[in-house]
């Protein structure tokens, strides 16, 4: 019953949402520069006397592009993309190698002031991170492996600020759940890492 009320409320919100004006295209593209700030949470490895949260993934600034489709003036879906990004990994401050990740993210957004020059929004969705090119090793222990993929929730808050009829300045912050097991070459799990980064972006948008 609770879920039925929730679905009914969501349906009512969508029906009441402001429709697109005839001259508005439902498509928008944004390009951003995004700073990745990992949470760097990891399990302890007692056998190696490694404490919790000792595995760190490097911070990085990356390019990002997203494609948004507006179902109504208030409601849209956003697909967020980049190309595979390489990160350095350290263990208690010592460099132990690199890996690459590709993190496409899909969110559903609600835009609060679609007719205003300042239009804030919130979004929730899902992230799929594909991990590849793992080149990690600990001296005296050997090579390490990471999970090949991670699925987690994503949440965002941001705003589009109109600069011209079709052009916008965009600011955006996202939280993404990314986790991976850390295994020895023989498959034995030695730790688990929660990267769970915050992503802070600024860029431009164009409404077709």
Protein backbone atom coordinates (compact mmCIF):
# COMPACT_ATOMS: atom_id res chain seq x y z
CA UNK A 1 0.00 0.00 0.00
CA UNK A 2 2.83 2.40 0.86
CA UNK A 3 4.41 1.79 -2.56
CA UNK A 4 1.05 2.42 -4.27
CA UNK A 5 0.75 5.83 -2.57
CA UNK A 6 4.34 6.65 -3.57
CA UNK A 7 3.68 5.74 -7.22
CA UNK A 8 0.44 7.70 -7.20
CA UNK A 9 2.20 10.77 -5.82
CA UNK A 10 4.92 10.46 -8.46
CA UNK A 11 2.35 10.14 -11.23
CA UNK A 12 0.48 13.19 -9.95
CA UNK A 13 3.70 15.19 -9.91
CA UNK A 14 4.48 14.23 -13.50
CA UNK A 15 0.98 15.07 -14.69
CA UNK A 16 1.08 18.45 -12.93
CA UNK A 17 4.55 19.28 -14.24
CA UNK A 18 4.84 22.24 -16.58
CA UNK A 19 4.76 21.02 -20.21
CA UNK A 20 7.41 22.07 -22.68
CA UNK A 21 6.64 25.15 -24.72
CA UNK A 22 6.28 24.53 -28.45
CA UNK A 23 9.52 26.38 -29.19
CA UNK A 24 11.55 24.39 -26.63
CA UNK A 25 13.61 21.43 -27.82
CA UNK A 26 13.56 18.48 -25.38
CA UNK A 27 17.33 17.98 -25.92
CA UNK A 28 20.20 19.63 -24.08
CA UNK A 29 23.93 18.91 -24.07
CA UNK A 30 26.43 20.00 -21.41
CA UNK A 31 30.22 19.84 -21.34
CA UNK A 32 31.96 20.11 -17.97
CA UNK A 33 35.34 19.99 -16.28
CA UNK A 34 34.88 17.74 -13.24
CA UNK A 35 37.09 17.32 -10.17
CA UNK A 36 36.93 13.81 -8.66
CA UNK A 37 37.41 13.62 -4.88
CA UNK A 38 37.38 9.95 -3.73
CA UNK A 39 36.21 9.06 -0.22
CA UNK A 40 39.05 6.46 0.08
CA UNK A 41 37.43 4.01 2.46
CA UNK A 42 38.94 0.53 2.61
CA UNK A 43 38.99 -2.53 4.86
CA UNK A 44 42.01 -3.23 7.04
CA UNK A 45 44.40 -6.04 6.03
CA UNK A 46 45.52 -7.51 9.39
CA UNK A 47 47.90 -10.04 7.81
CA UNK A 48 49.91 -7.18 6.29
CA UNK A 49 49.38 -4.82 9.26
CA UNK A 50 47.54 -2.44 6.96
CA UNK A 51 44.97 -0.28 8.80
CA UNK A 52 41.52 0.65 7.53
CA UNK A 53 41.29 3.42 4.93
CA UNK A 54 44.96 3.00 3.91
CA UNK A 55 44.22 2.40 0.20
CA UNK A 56 43.86 5.73 -1.62
CA UNK A 57 42.75 6.49 -5.18
CA UNK A 58 44.15 9.69 -6.67
CA UNK A 59 42.09 12.82 -7.17
CA UNK A 60 41.75 13.96 -10.77
CA UNK A 61 40.08 16.53 -13.02
CA UNK A 62 38.38 15.00 -16.06
CA UNK A 63 36.23 16.10 -19.03
CA UNK A 64 32.58 15.11 -18.92
CA UNK A 65 29.70 15.36 -21.39
CA UNK A 66 26.03 14.75 -20.73
CA UNK A 67 22.93 14.45 -22.86
CA UNK A 68 19.60 15.45 -21.29
CA UNK A 69 16.09 14.79 -22.52
CA UNK A 70 13.24 16.87 -21.04
CA UNK A 71 9.93 15.02 -20.72
CA UNK A 72 8.38 18.20 -19.31
CA UNK A 73 9.82 21.58 -18.38
CA UNK A 74 10.49 20.23 -14.88
CA UNK A 75 11.44 16.58 -15.47
CA UNK A 76 14.38 15.24 -17.46
CA UNK A 77 16.76 12.30 -17.76
CA UNK A 78 20.51 12.86 -18.00
CA UNK A 79 23.13 10.43 -19.34
CA UNK A 80 26.63 11.39 -18.12
CA UNK A 81 29.66 10.14 -20.04
CA UNK A 82 33.45 10.42 -20.25
CA UNK A 83 36.23 8.19 -21.57
CA UNK A 84 38.21 5.64 -19.46
CA UNK A 85 40.13 7.52 -16.77
CA UNK A 86 43.41 6.35 -15.22
CA UNK A 87 44.00 6.69 -11.49
CA UNK A 88 47.05 6.08 -9.32
CA UNK A 89 46.61 3.94 -6.20
CA UNK A 90 48.68 4.25 -3.03
CA UNK A 91 48.94 1.97 -0.01
CA UNK A 92 49.90 3.84 3.19
CA UNK A 93 51.43 6.53 0.96
CA UNK A 94 53.37 4.16 -1.31
CA UNK A 95 52.53 4.06 -5.01
CA UNK A 96 51.35 0.53 -5.92
CA UNK A 97 50.16 1.11 -9.50
CA UNK A 98 47.25 2.26 -11.62
CA UNK A 99 43.86 1.26 -13.00
CA UNK A 100 41.30 2.74 -15.39
CA UNK A 101 37.59 3.22 -14.87
CA UNK A 102 34.69 4.17 -17.14
CA UNK A 103 31.72 5.47 -15.09
CA UNK A 104 28.56 6.13 -17.20
CA UNK A 105 25.77 7.47 -15.00
CA UNK A 106 22.05 7.91 -15.64
CA UNK A 107 19.95 10.24 -13.47
CA UNK A 108 16.36 11.44 -13.33
CA UNK A 109 16.23 15.17 -12.61
CA UNK A 110 13.71 17.67 -11.32
CA UNK A 111 14.24 21.31 -12.38
CA UNK A 112 12.68 23.78 -9.97
CA UNK A 113 12.51 27.03 -12.02
CA UNK A 114 12.40 26.11 -15.72
CA UNK A 115 11.27 29.58 -16.83
CA UNK A 116 13.89 31.41 -14.74
CA UNK A 117 17.41 32.47 -15.75
CA UNK A 118 18.61 30.56 -12.65
CA UNK A 119 17.24 27.03 -12.74
CA UNK A 120 18.40 24.72 -9.91
CA UNK A 121 17.85 20.96 -10.10
CA UNK A 122 18.29 17.74 -8.15
CA UNK A 123 18.78 14.26 -9.53
CA UNK A 124 18.98 10.62 -8.46
CA UNK A 125 20.03 7.62 -10.49
CA UNK A 126 22.42 4.76 -11.02
CA UNK A 127 26.10 4.45 -11.90
CA UNK A 128 27.82 1.59 -13.72
CA UNK A 129 31.62 1.70 -13.38
CA UNK A 130 33.70 -0.56 -15.62
CA UNK A 131 37.22 -1.20 -14.28
CA UNK A 132 40.05 -2.14 -16.64
CA UNK A 133 43.84 -1.97 -17.22
CA UNK A 134 44.56 -2.93 -13.61
CA UNK A 135 48.30 -2.74 -12.93
CA UNK A 136 48.66 -3.03 -9.16
CA UNK A 137 51.27 -4.86 -7.08
CA UNK A 138 52.53 -4.76 -3.49
CA UNK A 139 56.23 -5.60 -2.90
CA UNK A 140 56.51 -8.95 -1.14
CA UNK A 141 52.84 -9.75 -1.77
CA UNK A 142 52.49 -9.71 -5.55
CA UNK A 143 49.95 -8.53 -8.08
CA UNK A 144 46.48 -7.37 -7.05
CA UNK A 145 43.21 -7.56 -8.95
CA UNK A 146 40.08 -5.39 -8.77
CA UNK A 147 36.46 -6.21 -9.53
CA UNK A 148 35.65 -5.69 -13.21
CA UNK A 149 32.55 -3.60 -12.52
CA UNK A 150 30.59 -1.75 -9.86
CA UNK A 151 26.92 -0.72 -9.73
CA UNK A 152 25.80 1.93 -7.26
CA UNK A 153 23.47 4.82 -6.59
CA UNK A 154 24.12 8.37 -7.72
CA UNK A 155 22.76 11.70 -6.50
CA UNK A 156 23.32 15.23 -7.77
CA UNK A 157 22.48 18.87 -7.26
CA UNK A 158 23.20 21.68 -9.68
CA UNK A 159 21.95 24.68 -11.60
CA UNK A 160 21.75 26.01 -15.14
CA UNK A 161 22.30 29.76 -15.44
CA UNK A 162 21.11 31.25 -18.72
CA UNK A 163 23.71 33.27 -20.63
CA UNK A 164 21.87 33.59 -23.96
CA UNK A 165 18.64 32.17 -25.44
CA UNK A 166 20.17 28.70 -25.92
CA UNK A 167 23.38 28.85 -23.86
CA UNK A 168 23.82 28.15 -20.14
CA UNK A 169 26.52 28.13 -17.49
CA UNK A 170 26.26 24.91 -15.51
CA UNK A 171 27.47 24.05 -12.00
CA UNK A 172 26.97 20.55 -10.69
CA UNK A 173 27.91 18.32 -7.74
CA UNK A 174 27.42 14.55 -7.68
CA UNK A 175 27.90 11.71 -5.21
CA UNK A 176 28.50 8.30 -6.79
CA UNK A 177 28.81 4.91 -5.10
CA UNK A 178 31.77 2.95 -6.52
CA UNK A 179 33.22 -0.08 -4.77
CA UNK A 180 35.59 -2.93 -5.59
CA UNK A 181 37.04 -6.03 -3.99
CA UNK A 182 40.84 -6.21 -3.88
CA UNK A 183 42.09 -9.74 -4.60
CA UNK A 184 45.41 -11.50 -4.88
CA UNK A 185 46.33 -13.01 -8.25
CA UNK A 186 44.98 -16.39 -7.03
CA UNK A 187 41.57 -14.85 -6.32
CA UNK A 188 41.89 -14.54 -2.53
CA UNK A 189 40.14 -11.40 -1.30
CA UNK A 190 42.38 -9.21 0.85
CA UNK A 191 40.36 -6.00 1.12
CA UNK A 192 37.41 -4.02 -0.23
CA UNK A 193 37.56 -0.41 -1.34
CA UNK A 194 34.76 2.15 -1.41
CA UNK A 195 35.88 4.95 -3.72
CA UNK A 196 32.48 6.73 -3.39
CA UNK A 197 33.69 10.00 -4.94
CA UNK A 198 32.25 13.49 -4.86
CA UNK A 199 32.39 15.09 -8.29
CA UNK A 200 32.37 18.88 -8.63
CA UNK A 201 31.79 20.23 -12.13
CA UNK A 202 31.48 23.49 -14.03
CA UNK A 203 30.78 23.87 -17.72
CA UNK A 204 28.45 25.11 -20.43
CA UNK A 205 25.16 23.79 -21.76
CA UNK A 206 23.31 24.21 -25.06
CA UNK A 207 19.55 23.69 -25.47
CA UNK A 208 18.73 22.69 -29.02
